[in-house]
Amino acid sequence: MLFLKDKNKKIVKDGEEISEDGLLCRFVLDGQGRKVGESIAVYKDLLIIKTGKDFLGVPMKHIDVDISHILVKGLIDHTKALELGKGWQKENYKEIKYPPEEP
């Protein structure tokens, strides 16, 4: 028997409920249609976006969900987004460390 966490966690945005699963593993675009990164988590009221080696935290109020991707409304304050992303990373992100291979 499998035990699943609350898989269909709901987020309320602009009075509408959005499934958290519908926000994850999707490409995120900025206002000009350029790829920012990929959404990997929802943390408090932030969407966490992986971009290269960095993590950005963007408030949900600046997120617009489309059928094929997620849009960030307005300009992204990269300094603040990096700071919010690092806060998430310190609390939740655990890098996998493999033991050295034996010859």
Protein backbone atom coordinates (compact mmCIF):
# COMPACT_ATOMS: atom_id res chain seq x y z
CA MET A 1 0.00 0.00 0.00
CA LEU A 2 1.32 3.43 -0.88
CA PHE A 3 0.96 6.38 1.43
CA LEU A 4 0.77 9.68 -0.37
CA LYS A 5 1.06 13.11 1.16
CA ASP A 6 -1.65 15.61 0.32
CA LYS A 7 -0.75 15.31 -3.37
CA ASN A 8 -3.39 17.72 -4.64
CA LYS A 9 -2.51 20.59 -2.32
CA LYS A 10 -4.47 23.67 -3.34
CA ILE A 11 -3.13 27.21 -3.56
CA VAL A 12 -5.52 30.15 -3.64
CA LYS A 13 -4.45 32.85 -6.09
CA ASP A 14 -6.67 35.77 -7.03
CA GLY A 15 -9.65 34.00 -5.50
CA GLU A 16 -9.13 30.85 -7.60
CA GLU A 17 -7.76 27.52 -6.41
CA ILE A 18 -4.78 26.15 -8.31
CA SER A 19 -3.33 22.68 -7.78
CA GLU A 20 0.29 22.79 -6.64
CA ASP A 21 0.99 19.88 -8.99
CA GLY A 22 -0.06 22.06 -11.92
CA LEU A 23 2.70 24.53 -11.09
CA LEU A 24 5.65 22.15 -10.82
CA CYS A 25 8.08 20.98 -13.50
CA ARG A 26 6.98 23.62 -16.00
CA PHE A 27 8.98 26.20 -17.88
CA VAL A 28 8.72 29.74 -16.55
CA LEU A 29 8.83 32.68 -18.97
CA ASP A 30 9.31 36.39 -18.31
CA GLY A 31 7.23 39.22 -19.80
CA GLN A 32 9.22 39.17 -23.06
CA GLY A 33 8.72 35.44 -23.52
CA ARG A 34 12.29 34.49 -22.52
CA LYS A 35 12.81 31.33 -20.51
CA VAL A 36 13.66 32.09 -16.87
CA GLY A 37 13.97 28.47 -15.71
CA GLU A 38 11.84 25.59 -14.48
CA SER A 39 9.46 25.61 -11.53
CA ILE A 40 10.50 23.06 -8.90
CA ALA A 41 8.61 23.91 -5.69
CA VAL A 42 5.97 26.03 -4.04
CA TYR A 43 7.22 27.38 -0.70
CA LYS A 44 4.97 29.54 1.47
CA ASP A 45 3.74 32.18 -1.03
CA LEU A 46 6.69 31.75 -3.43
CA LEU A 47 7.23 29.80 -6.62
CA ILE A 48 10.77 28.40 -6.59
CA ILE A 49 12.41 28.43 -10.03
CA LYS A 50 15.67 26.63 -10.88
CA THR A 51 17.73 28.65 -13.30
CA GLY A 52 21.17 27.22 -14.01
CA LYS A 53 22.76 26.57 -10.60
CA ASP A 54 20.65 29.21 -8.85
CA PHE A 55 17.19 29.19 -7.33
CA LEU A 56 14.81 32.13 -7.63
CA GLY A 57 11.88 32.78 -5.32
CA VAL A 58 9.07 34.70 -7.05
CA PRO A 59 5.92 35.72 -5.14
CA MET A 60 2.79 33.93 -6.33
CA LYS A 61 1.07 37.29 -6.90
CA HIS A 62 3.49 37.81 -9.83
CA ILE A 63 2.74 34.41 -11.39
CA ASP A 64 0.24 33.79 -14.18
CA VAL A 65 -0.49 30.21 -15.24
CA ASP A 66 -1.02 29.44 -18.93
CA ILE A 67 -1.84 26.09 -20.56
CA SER A 68 1.72 25.35 -21.68
CA HIS A 69 3.90 27.40 -19.31
CA ILE A 70 4.04 29.81 -16.37
CA LEU A 71 4.47 33.55 -16.88
CA VAL A 72 6.08 36.03 -14.50
CA LYS A 73 4.13 39.30 -14.64
CA GLY A 74 6.27 42.43 -14.58
CA LEU A 75 10.01 42.63 -14.07
CA ILE A 76 11.88 40.16 -11.91
CA ASP A 77 14.01 41.71 -9.17
CA HIS A 78 16.84 39.17 -9.53
CA THR A 79 18.61 40.29 -6.34
CA LYS A 80 15.51 39.79 -4.19
CA ALA A 81 14.51 36.60 -6.07
CA LEU A 82 17.97 35.10 -5.48
CA GLU A 83 17.76 36.02 -1.78
CA LEU A 84 14.34 34.34 -1.45
CA GLY A 85 15.59 31.32 -3.40
CA LYS A 86 18.62 30.95 -1.12
CA GLY A 87 16.29 31.03 1.90
CA TRP A 88 14.33 28.11 0.42
CA GLN A 89 17.55 26.30 -0.48
CA LYS A 90 18.92 26.52 3.08
CA GLU A 91 15.70 25.15 4.57
CA ASN A 92 14.66 22.51 2.05
CA TYR A 93 17.28 21.61 -0.53
CA LYS A 94 19.50 18.64 0.21
CA GLU A 95 22.09 17.68 -2.39
CA ILE A 96 22.65 13.96 -2.81
CA LYS A 97 26.17 12.89 -1.94
CA TYR A 98 27.25 9.51 -3.22
CA PRO A 99 29.92 7.47 -1.46
CA PRO A 100 33.15 7.01 -3.42
CA GLU A 101 33.12 4.02 -5.72
CA GLU A 102 35.21 1.06 -4.71
CA PRO A 103 37.75 -0.21 -7.26
